[in-house]
Amino acid sequence: MRQQNGFTLIELVIVIIILGLLAAVALPRFIDVTEEAENVSIEAVAGGFASGVGLTRAQWEVSGRPAGSVNYDGVTVLVGTNGYPTGGGTATAMNETQCLTVLDSILQSPPRATTSTTVADIEEARLFVRANTTPANHECEYYQTAGLTAAPTDFTGSNGFSYTPATGRVITFTNKN
């Protein structure tokens, strides 16, 4: 008698059908993983940023509310009159450069960020930094650059977080579809 090697045609067809069913069930889950990872990533950066804001404010209080800056773990952090990081400006008159300075000074290893509206620069960075001067208390807005094709002008279709230096408030937004 000959010994059989390999699969019969029926066994092969059954295996292909099972693999097809598994792919049909698993594929949608893998597609959602990218979106979930982007959401978690920006929430983690925003959480670290909020902690940095709170710790800077606490250091300002402990140091006796000094004017202009505090020494936070060997790093000079520029603060406003309320003790929240401002990057050298006043809490109600922020610009992009000051918003970028805040990010770089309060995070130990900040993600690469840009204020440039050039698509090539945005694609190379992890965050796009924008100062929103519309509200009475100016905000710094930090947008996740994954998937951006142009500089965002509002929260629509983007993930990121905003920081209000006048109050120290950090709010995360995940509006990317």
N, C-alpha and C. Protein backbone atom coordinates (compact mmCIF):
# COMPACT_ATOMS: atom_id res chain seq x y z
N MET A 1 0.81 -1.19 0.00
CA MET A 1 0.00 0.00 0.00
C MET A 1 0.85 1.25 0.00
N ARG A 2 0.37 2.23 -0.75
CA ARG A 2 1.08 3.51 -0.78
C ARG A 2 0.67 4.37 0.39
N GLN A 3 1.66 5.02 0.98
CA GLN A 3 1.37 5.92 2.08
C GLN A 3 0.97 7.28 1.51
N GLN A 4 -0.08 7.88 2.07
CA GLN A 4 -0.59 9.14 1.56
C GLN A 4 0.20 10.30 2.16
N ASN A 5 0.61 11.24 1.31
CA ASN A 5 1.30 12.46 1.75
C ASN A 5 0.47 13.67 1.35
N GLY A 6 0.26 14.61 2.27
CA GLY A 6 -0.45 15.85 1.95
C GLY A 6 -1.94 15.74 2.19
N PHE A 7 -2.65 16.76 1.71
CA PHE A 7 -4.10 16.86 1.91
C PHE A 7 -4.83 16.35 0.68
N THR A 8 -6.04 15.88 0.91
CA THR A 8 -6.90 15.56 -0.22
C THR A 8 -7.52 16.86 -0.69
N LEU A 9 -8.15 16.85 -1.83
CA LEU A 9 -8.76 18.05 -2.40
C LEU A 9 -9.87 18.57 -1.48
N ILE A 10 -10.65 17.71 -0.91
CA ILE A 10 -11.74 18.12 -0.01
C ILE A 10 -11.17 18.79 1.24
N GLU A 11 -10.14 18.21 1.81
CA GLU A 11 -9.52 18.81 3.00
C GLU A 11 -8.95 20.20 2.68
N LEU A 12 -8.35 20.34 1.53
CA LEU A 12 -7.79 21.62 1.12
C LEU A 12 -8.89 22.67 0.95
N VAL A 13 -9.99 22.30 0.34
CA VAL A 13 -11.12 23.23 0.15
C VAL A 13 -11.68 23.64 1.51
N ILE A 14 -11.83 22.70 2.42
CA ILE A 14 -12.35 23.01 3.76
C ILE A 14 -11.42 23.98 4.49
N VAL A 15 -10.13 23.76 4.42
CA VAL A 15 -9.16 24.65 5.07
C VAL A 15 -9.25 26.05 4.46
N ILE A 16 -9.37 26.16 3.15
CA ILE A 16 -9.48 27.47 2.50
C ILE A 16 -10.75 28.18 2.94
N ILE A 17 -11.85 27.46 3.04
CA ILE A 17 -13.12 28.06 3.49
C ILE A 17 -12.99 28.56 4.93
N ILE A 18 -12.39 27.77 5.78
CA ILE A 18 -12.21 28.16 7.19
C ILE A 18 -11.32 29.41 7.28
N LEU A 19 -10.23 29.43 6.52
CA LEU A 19 -9.36 30.61 6.52
C LEU A 19 -10.09 31.85 6.00
N GLY A 20 -10.93 31.68 5.00
CA GLY A 20 -11.72 32.79 4.47
C GLY A 20 -12.68 33.34 5.51
N LEU A 21 -13.35 32.44 6.24
CA LEU A 21 -14.27 32.87 7.30
C LEU A 21 -13.53 33.60 8.42
N LEU A 22 -12.38 33.07 8.81
CA LEU A 22 -11.58 33.73 9.85
C LEU A 22 -11.14 35.12 9.40
N ALA A 23 -10.73 35.24 8.15
CA ALA A 23 -10.31 36.54 7.63
C ALA A 23 -11.48 37.52 7.60
N ALA A 24 -12.66 37.04 7.22
CA ALA A 24 -13.83 37.92 7.17
C ALA A 24 -14.22 38.42 8.56
N VAL A 25 -14.02 37.61 9.57
CA VAL A 25 -14.35 38.00 10.94
C VAL A 25 -13.24 38.87 11.54
N ALA A 26 -12.00 38.52 11.31
CA ALA A 26 -10.88 39.20 11.97
C ALA A 26 -10.49 40.52 11.29
N LEU A 27 -10.66 40.64 9.98
CA LEU A 27 -10.22 41.83 9.26
C LEU A 27 -10.83 43.12 9.80
N PRO A 28 -12.13 43.20 10.04
CA PRO A 28 -12.67 44.45 10.59
C PRO A 28 -12.07 44.83 11.94
N ARG A 29 -11.73 43.85 12.73
CA ARG A 29 -11.11 44.14 14.03
C ARG A 29 -9.72 44.74 13.84
N PHE A 30 -8.96 44.25 12.89
CA PHE A 30 -7.62 44.79 12.64
C PHE A 30 -7.69 46.20 12.06
N ILE A 31 -8.71 46.50 11.29
CA ILE A 31 -8.87 47.84 10.74
C ILE A 31 -9.11 48.83 11.87
N ASP A 32 -9.93 48.48 12.85
CA ASP A 32 -10.22 49.36 13.98
C ASP A 32 -9.02 49.54 14.90
N VAL A 33 -8.07 48.65 14.86
CA VAL A 33 -6.91 48.74 15.75
C VAL A 33 -6.10 50.00 15.47
N THR A 34 -5.95 50.39 14.21
CA THR A 34 -5.20 51.59 13.87
C THR A 34 -5.85 52.83 14.47
N GLU A 35 -7.16 52.93 14.31
CA GLU A 35 -7.89 54.08 14.86
C GLU A 35 -7.78 54.12 16.38
N GLU A 36 -7.95 52.97 17.01
CA GLU A 36 -7.83 52.90 18.46
C GLU A 36 -6.43 53.27 18.93
N ALA A 37 -5.42 52.82 18.20
CA ALA A 37 -4.03 53.13 18.57
C ALA A 37 -3.76 54.63 18.46
N GLU A 38 -4.30 55.27 17.43
CA GLU A 38 -4.13 56.72 17.29
C GLU A 38 -4.82 57.45 18.43
N ASN A 39 -6.02 57.01 18.80
CA ASN A 39 -6.74 57.64 19.91
C ASN A 39 -5.98 57.49 21.21
N VAL A 40 -5.50 56.28 21.48
CA VAL A 40 -4.77 56.03 22.73
C VAL A 40 -3.46 56.82 22.74
N SER A 41 -2.81 56.92 21.61
CA SER A 41 -1.55 57.65 21.53
C SER A 41 -1.73 59.12 21.89
N ILE A 42 -2.74 59.77 21.32
CA ILE A 42 -2.93 61.20 21.61
C ILE A 42 -3.42 61.40 23.04
N GLU A 43 -4.21 60.46 23.54
CA GLU A 43 -4.66 60.55 24.94
C GLU A 43 -3.48 60.41 25.90
N ALA A 44 -2.51 59.57 25.55
CA ALA A 44 -1.33 59.41 26.40
C ALA A 44 -0.48 60.68 26.40
N VAL A 45 -0.28 61.27 25.24
CA VAL A 45 0.50 62.52 25.17
C VAL A 45 -0.23 63.62 25.93
N ALA A 46 -1.55 63.71 25.74
CA ALA A 46 -2.33 64.73 26.45
C ALA A 46 -2.29 64.52 27.95
N GLY A 47 -2.33 63.27 28.38
CA GLY A 47 -2.24 62.97 29.82
C GLY A 47 -0.90 63.38 30.40
N GLY A 48 0.18 63.09 29.68
CA GLY A 48 1.51 63.52 30.12
C GLY A 48 1.62 65.02 30.14
N PHE A 49 1.03 65.67 29.15
CA PHE A 49 1.05 67.13 29.07
C PHE A 49 0.29 67.74 30.25
N ALA A 50 -0.90 67.20 30.54
CA ALA A 50 -1.69 67.70 31.67
C ALA A 50 -0.95 67.51 32.98
N SER A 51 -0.27 66.39 33.13
CA SER A 51 0.54 66.16 34.34
C SER A 51 1.66 67.18 34.43
N GLY A 52 2.31 67.46 33.31
CA GLY A 52 3.38 68.46 33.29
C GLY A 52 2.88 69.84 33.66
N VAL A 53 1.69 70.19 33.18
CA VAL A 53 1.09 71.49 33.52
C VAL A 53 0.83 71.55 35.02
N GLY A 54 0.24 70.49 35.57
CA GLY A 54 -0.06 70.45 37.01
C GLY A 54 1.20 70.48 37.86
N LEU A 55 2.21 69.75 37.46
CA LEU A 55 3.46 69.72 38.23
C LEU A 55 4.20 71.06 38.16
N THR A 56 4.13 71.71 37.01
CA THR A 56 4.75 73.03 36.88
C THR A 56 4.04 74.03 37.80
N ARG A 57 2.72 73.98 37.80
CA ARG A 57 1.94 74.88 38.67
C ARG A 57 2.26 74.60 40.13
N ALA A 58 2.38 73.32 40.50
CA ALA A 58 2.72 72.96 41.89
C ALA A 58 4.11 73.47 42.25
N GLN A 59 5.06 73.34 41.34
CA GLN A 59 6.42 73.84 41.59
C GLN A 59 6.40 75.36 41.76
N TRP A 60 5.57 76.04 41.00
CA TRP A 60 5.42 77.49 41.11
C TRP A 60 4.91 77.88 42.50
N GLU A 61 3.93 77.13 43.00
CA GLU A 61 3.40 77.39 44.35
C GLU A 61 4.46 77.13 45.41
N VAL A 62 5.14 75.99 45.31
CA VAL A 62 6.16 75.62 46.30
C VAL A 62 7.32 76.62 46.30
N SER A 63 7.63 77.16 45.13
CA SER A 63 8.74 78.12 45.01
C SER A 63 8.36 79.53 45.45
N GLY A 64 7.15 79.70 45.95
CA GLY A 64 6.73 81.02 46.42
C GLY A 64 6.18 81.92 45.34
N ARG A 65 5.63 81.34 44.29
CA ARG A 65 5.01 82.08 43.19
C ARG A 65 5.95 83.10 42.54
N PRO A 66 7.10 82.63 42.07
CA PRO A 66 8.04 83.56 41.43
C PRO A 66 7.48 84.10 40.10
N ALA A 67 7.91 85.27 39.72
CA ALA A 67 7.45 85.88 38.48
C ALA A 67 8.26 85.36 37.29
N GLY A 68 7.58 84.97 36.23
CA GLY A 68 8.24 84.66 34.97
C GLY A 68 8.65 83.23 34.71
N SER A 69 9.23 82.54 35.70
CA SER A 69 9.69 81.18 35.43
C SER A 69 9.86 80.39 36.72
N VAL A 70 9.88 79.08 36.57
CA VAL A 70 10.20 78.18 37.68
C VAL A 70 11.24 77.19 37.20
N ASN A 71 12.03 76.70 38.13
CA ASN A 71 12.99 75.65 37.81
C ASN A 71 12.31 74.34 38.15
N TYR A 72 11.98 73.60 37.11
CA TYR A 72 11.29 72.33 37.29
C TYR A 72 12.24 71.21 36.93
N ASP A 73 12.80 70.58 37.94
CA ASP A 73 13.72 69.45 37.76
C ASP A 73 14.88 69.81 36.83
N GLY A 74 15.44 71.00 37.04
CA GLY A 74 16.59 71.43 36.26
C GLY A 74 16.26 72.10 34.95
N VAL A 75 14.98 72.21 34.62
CA VAL A 75 14.54 72.84 33.38
C VAL A 75 13.81 74.13 33.73
N THR A 76 14.17 75.21 33.08
CA THR A 76 13.47 76.47 33.30
C THR A 76 12.19 76.46 32.47
N VAL A 77 11.05 76.59 33.16
CA VAL A 77 9.76 76.62 32.50
C VAL A 77 9.20 78.02 32.68
N LEU A 78 8.90 78.67 31.56
CA LEU A 78 8.35 80.02 31.59
C LEU A 78 6.87 79.95 31.92
N VAL A 79 6.44 80.72 32.94
CA VAL A 79 5.06 80.68 33.41
C VAL A 79 4.44 82.08 33.38
N GLY A 80 3.11 82.09 33.38
CA GLY A 80 2.38 83.35 33.46
C GLY A 80 2.16 83.74 34.91
N THR A 81 1.38 84.77 35.12
CA THR A 81 1.13 85.28 36.47
C THR A 81 0.31 84.31 37.32
N ASN A 82 -0.33 83.34 36.69
CA ASN A 82 -1.12 82.34 37.41
C ASN A 82 -0.36 81.04 37.66
N GLY A 83 0.89 80.97 37.20
CA GLY A 83 1.73 79.80 37.44
C GLY A 83 1.64 78.70 36.40
N TYR A 84 0.80 78.86 35.40
CA TYR A 84 0.70 77.85 34.34
C TYR A 84 1.71 78.17 33.24
N PRO A 85 2.27 77.14 32.60
CA PRO A 85 3.27 77.36 31.55
C PRO A 85 2.72 78.20 30.40
N THR A 86 3.52 79.17 29.96
CA THR A 86 3.12 80.04 28.85
C THR A 86 4.17 80.14 27.76
N GLY A 87 5.33 79.60 27.96
CA GLY A 87 6.37 79.69 26.94
C GLY A 87 6.92 81.09 26.76
N GLY A 88 6.72 81.95 27.74
CA GLY A 88 7.28 83.30 27.69
C GLY A 88 6.27 84.38 27.42
N GLY A 89 5.08 84.03 27.01
CA GLY A 89 4.05 85.03 26.74
C GLY A 89 3.11 85.17 27.92
N THR A 90 2.07 85.93 27.72
CA THR A 90 1.02 86.01 28.73
C THR A 90 -0.03 84.96 28.40
N ALA A 91 -0.76 84.55 29.41
CA ALA A 91 -1.73 83.46 29.23
C ALA A 91 -2.83 83.81 28.25
N THR A 92 -3.08 85.09 28.03
CA THR A 92 -4.17 85.48 27.13
C THR A 92 -3.66 86.01 25.79
N ALA A 93 -2.39 85.82 25.50
CA ALA A 93 -1.84 86.27 24.21
C ALA A 93 -0.77 85.30 23.73
N MET A 94 -1.17 84.06 23.49
CA MET A 94 -0.22 83.02 23.07
C MET A 94 -0.06 83.01 21.55
N ASN A 95 1.14 82.59 21.10
CA ASN A 95 1.36 82.36 19.68
C ASN A 95 1.92 80.94 19.50
N GLU A 96 2.09 80.52 18.24
CA GLU A 96 2.53 79.15 17.96
C GLU A 96 3.88 78.82 18.58
N THR A 97 4.81 79.75 18.52
CA THR A 97 6.15 79.50 19.07
C THR A 97 6.09 79.27 20.57
N GLN A 98 5.28 80.05 21.27
CA GLN A 98 5.14 79.87 22.71
C GLN A 98 4.45 78.55 23.03
N CYS A 99 3.46 78.17 22.23
CA CYS A 99 2.79 76.88 22.44
C CYS A 99 3.78 75.73 22.25
N LEU A 100 4.64 75.84 21.25
CA LEU A 100 5.66 74.81 21.01
C LEU A 100 6.67 74.78 22.16
N THR A 101 7.03 75.94 22.69
CA THR A 101 7.95 76.01 23.83
C THR A 101 7.36 75.34 25.06
N VAL A 102 6.06 75.54 25.29
CA VAL A 102 5.39 74.89 26.43
C VAL A 102 5.50 73.38 26.28
N LEU A 103 5.17 72.85 25.11
CA LEU A 103 5.23 71.41 24.86
C LEU A 103 6.64 70.87 25.12
N ASP A 104 7.63 71.55 24.58
CA ASP A 104 9.01 71.09 24.70
C ASP A 104 9.56 71.21 26.11
N SER A 105 9.06 72.16 26.89
CA SER A 105 9.64 72.37 28.23
C SER A 105 9.01 71.51 29.32
N ILE A 106 7.75 71.12 29.16
CA ILE A 106 7.13 70.36 30.27
C ILE A 106 7.11 68.85 30.06
N LEU A 107 7.37 68.39 28.84
CA LEU A 107 7.45 66.94 28.61
C LEU A 107 8.91 66.52 28.58
N GLN A 108 9.20 65.41 29.23
CA GLN A 108 10.58 64.93 29.29
C GLN A 108 11.10 64.55 27.91
N SER A 109 10.32 63.83 27.16
CA SER A 109 10.69 63.45 25.79
C SER A 109 9.52 63.82 24.88
N PRO A 110 9.42 65.09 24.51
CA PRO A 110 8.26 65.51 23.71
C PRO A 110 8.30 64.92 22.31
N PRO A 111 7.13 64.63 21.75
CA PRO A 111 7.09 64.16 20.36
C PRO A 111 7.52 65.29 19.43
N ARG A 112 8.02 64.92 18.26
CA ARG A 112 8.43 65.93 17.28
C ARG A 112 7.20 66.72 16.87
N ALA A 113 7.29 68.04 16.97
CA ALA A 113 6.15 68.90 16.66
C ALA A 113 6.59 70.02 15.72
N THR A 114 5.63 70.56 14.99
CA THR A 114 5.93 71.65 14.06
C THR A 114 4.83 72.69 14.09
N THR A 115 5.20 73.91 13.75
CA THR A 115 4.23 74.99 13.56
C THR A 115 4.11 75.32 12.08
N SER A 116 4.93 74.67 11.26
CA SER A 116 4.94 74.91 9.82
C SER A 116 3.67 74.35 9.18
N THR A 117 3.11 75.09 8.23
CA THR A 117 1.92 74.61 7.52
C THR A 117 2.27 73.86 6.24
N THR A 118 3.55 73.67 5.98
CA THR A 118 3.99 72.91 4.81
C THR A 118 3.68 71.43 5.02
N VAL A 119 3.05 70.82 4.04
CA VAL A 119 2.63 69.42 4.15
C VAL A 119 3.81 68.51 4.48
N ALA A 120 4.96 68.72 3.86
CA ALA A 120 6.14 67.88 4.12
C ALA A 120 6.56 67.97 5.58
N ASP A 121 6.53 69.17 6.16
CA ASP A 121 6.89 69.34 7.57
C ASP A 121 5.87 68.68 8.49
N ILE A 122 4.61 68.79 8.14
CA ILE A 122 3.54 68.18 8.94
C ILE A 122 3.69 66.66 8.93
N GLU A 123 4.00 66.09 7.76
CA GLU A 123 4.14 64.64 7.65
C GLU A 123 5.32 64.10 8.45
N GLU A 124 6.37 64.90 8.62
CA GLU A 124 7.55 64.47 9.38
C GLU A 124 7.34 64.56 10.89
N ALA A 125 6.41 65.38 11.32
CA ALA A 125 6.18 65.59 12.75
C ALA A 125 5.09 64.67 13.27
N ARG A 126 5.01 64.53 14.58
CA ARG A 126 3.93 63.76 15.20
C ARG A 126 2.79 64.66 15.65
N LEU A 127 3.12 65.96 15.91
CA LEU A 127 2.10 66.92 16.32
C LEU A 127 2.23 68.20 15.51
N PHE A 128 1.10 68.78 15.16
CA PHE A 128 1.05 70.10 14.55
C PHE A 128 0.55 71.05 15.62
N VAL A 129 1.28 72.15 15.84
CA VAL A 129 0.96 73.09 16.91
C VAL A 129 0.35 74.36 16.31
N ARG A 130 -0.77 74.77 16.90
CA ARG A 130 -1.48 75.96 16.43
C ARG A 130 -1.95 76.76 17.63
N ALA A 131 -1.85 78.08 17.56
CA ALA A 131 -2.40 78.94 18.61
C ALA A 131 -3.76 79.43 18.14
N ASN A 132 -4.77 79.21 18.96
CA ASN A 132 -6.12 79.66 18.63
C ASN A 132 -6.37 80.95 19.40
N THR A 133 -6.49 82.04 18.69
CA THR A 133 -6.68 83.35 19.32
C THR A 133 -8.14 83.77 19.35
N THR A 134 -9.04 82.88 18.94
CA THR A 134 -10.46 83.22 18.90
C THR A 134 -11.08 83.33 20.29
N PRO A 135 -10.87 82.36 21.19
CA PRO A 135 -11.50 82.52 22.50
C PRO A 135 -10.86 83.67 23.28
N ALA A 136 -11.58 84.17 24.28
CA ALA A 136 -11.05 85.25 25.11
C ALA A 136 -9.73 84.84 25.75
N ASN A 137 -9.66 83.61 26.22
CA ASN A 137 -8.41 83.06 26.73
C ASN A 137 -7.79 82.23 25.62
N HIS A 138 -6.70 82.69 25.09
CA HIS A 138 -6.06 81.99 23.97
C HIS A 138 -5.76 80.54 24.34
N GLU A 139 -5.80 79.67 23.32
CA GLU A 139 -5.52 78.25 23.52
C GLU A 139 -4.36 77.82 22.64
N CYS A 140 -3.66 76.82 23.12
CA CYS A 140 -2.68 76.11 22.30
C CYS A 140 -3.36 74.82 21.86
N GLU A 141 -3.31 74.54 20.57
CA GLU A 141 -3.92 73.32 20.05
C GLU A 141 -2.83 72.44 19.45
N TYR A 142 -2.86 71.18 19.83
CA TYR A 142 -1.86 70.21 19.39
C TYR A 142 -2.59 69.10 18.64
N TYR A 143 -2.36 69.00 17.34
CA TYR A 143 -3.05 68.04 16.48
C TYR A 143 -2.13 66.87 16.13
N GLN A 144 -2.69 65.66 16.19
CA GLN A 144 -1.96 64.48 15.74
C GLN A 144 -1.84 64.56 14.22
N THR A 145 -0.64 64.34 13.70
CA THR A 145 -0.43 64.53 12.26
C THR A 145 -0.73 63.30 11.41
N ALA A 146 -0.92 62.14 12.02
CA ALA A 146 -1.19 60.91 11.26
C ALA A 146 -2.41 61.11 10.37
N GLY A 147 -2.21 61.02 9.08
CA GLY A 147 -3.30 61.13 8.12
C GLY A 147 -3.65 62.55 7.70
N LEU A 148 -2.99 63.56 8.25
CA LEU A 148 -3.29 64.93 7.85
C LEU A 148 -2.70 65.21 6.47
N THR A 149 -3.45 65.91 5.64
CA THR A 149 -2.96 66.30 4.32
C THR A 149 -2.80 67.81 4.22
N ALA A 150 -3.23 68.52 5.26
CA ALA A 150 -3.08 69.98 5.32
C ALA A 150 -3.14 70.38 6.79
N ALA A 151 -2.71 71.59 7.06
CA ALA A 151 -2.74 72.10 8.44
C ALA A 151 -4.20 72.27 8.87
N PRO A 152 -4.58 71.69 10.01
CA PRO A 152 -5.96 71.82 10.47
C PRO A 152 -6.25 73.23 10.98
N THR A 153 -7.50 73.63 10.86
CA THR A 153 -7.91 74.95 11.35
C THR A 153 -8.90 74.84 12.50
N ASP A 154 -9.43 73.64 12.72
CA ASP A 154 -10.32 73.41 13.85
C ASP A 154 -10.27 71.92 14.22
N PHE A 155 -11.09 71.51 15.17
CA PHE A 155 -11.04 70.14 15.69
C PHE A 155 -11.69 69.12 14.76
N THR A 156 -12.41 69.55 13.73
CA THR A 156 -13.14 68.65 12.85
C THR A 156 -12.20 67.70 12.13
N GLY A 157 -12.46 66.41 12.24
CA GLY A 157 -11.68 65.41 11.52
C GLY A 157 -10.27 65.20 12.02
N SER A 158 -9.99 65.64 13.25
CA SER A 158 -8.63 65.54 13.78
C SER A 158 -8.64 64.97 15.19
N ASN A 159 -7.51 64.42 15.59
CA ASN A 159 -7.28 64.01 16.98
C ASN A 159 -6.25 64.97 17.56
N GLY A 160 -6.38 65.25 18.83
CA GLY A 160 -5.40 66.12 19.48
C GLY A 160 -5.87 66.55 20.84
N PHE A 161 -5.28 67.65 21.32
CA PHE A 161 -5.70 68.21 22.60
C PHE A 161 -5.45 69.71 22.59
N SER A 162 -6.20 70.40 23.44
CA SER A 162 -6.03 71.84 23.56
C SER A 162 -5.62 72.17 24.99
N TYR A 163 -4.89 73.27 25.12
CA TYR A 163 -4.40 73.73 26.42
C TYR A 163 -4.73 75.20 26.55
N THR A 164 -5.37 75.56 27.66
CA THR A 164 -5.70 76.95 27.95
C THR A 164 -4.78 77.44 29.06
N PRO A 165 -3.76 78.25 28.74
CA PRO A 165 -2.80 78.70 29.75
C PRO A 165 -3.41 79.55 30.86
N ALA A 166 -4.52 80.20 30.61
CA ALA A 166 -5.13 81.03 31.65
C ALA A 166 -5.71 80.19 32.78
N THR A 167 -6.11 78.96 32.47
CA THR A 167 -6.74 78.10 33.48
C THR A 167 -5.99 76.80 33.72
N GLY A 168 -5.07 76.45 32.84
CA GLY A 168 -4.35 75.18 32.95
C GLY A 168 -5.14 74.00 32.44
N ARG A 169 -6.26 74.24 31.82
CA ARG A 169 -7.15 73.17 31.36
C ARG A 169 -6.59 72.51 30.10
N VAL A 170 -6.61 71.17 30.08
CA VAL A 170 -6.19 70.38 28.93
C VAL A 170 -7.37 69.50 28.53
N ILE A 171 -7.80 69.61 27.28
CA ILE A 171 -8.94 68.84 26.79
C ILE A 171 -8.52 68.03 25.57
N THR A 172 -8.82 66.74 25.58
CA THR A 172 -8.52 65.86 24.45
C THR A 172 -9.70 65.83 23.50
N PHE A 173 -9.43 65.80 22.20
CA PHE A 173 -10.49 65.61 21.21
C PHE A 173 -10.07 64.52 20.24
N THR A 174 -10.99 63.60 19.99
CA THR A 174 -10.75 62.51 19.03
C THR A 174 -11.90 62.52 18.03
N ASN A 175 -11.73 63.31 16.98
CA ASN A 175 -12.77 63.49 15.97
C ASN A 175 -12.39 62.93 14.62
N LYS A 176 -11.31 62.15 14.57
CA LYS A 176 -10.86 61.60 13.30
C LYS A 176 -11.76 60.43 12.93
N ASN A 177 -12.22 60.41 11.70
CA ASN A 177 -13.11 59.33 11.27
C ASN A 177 -12.34 58.21 10.65
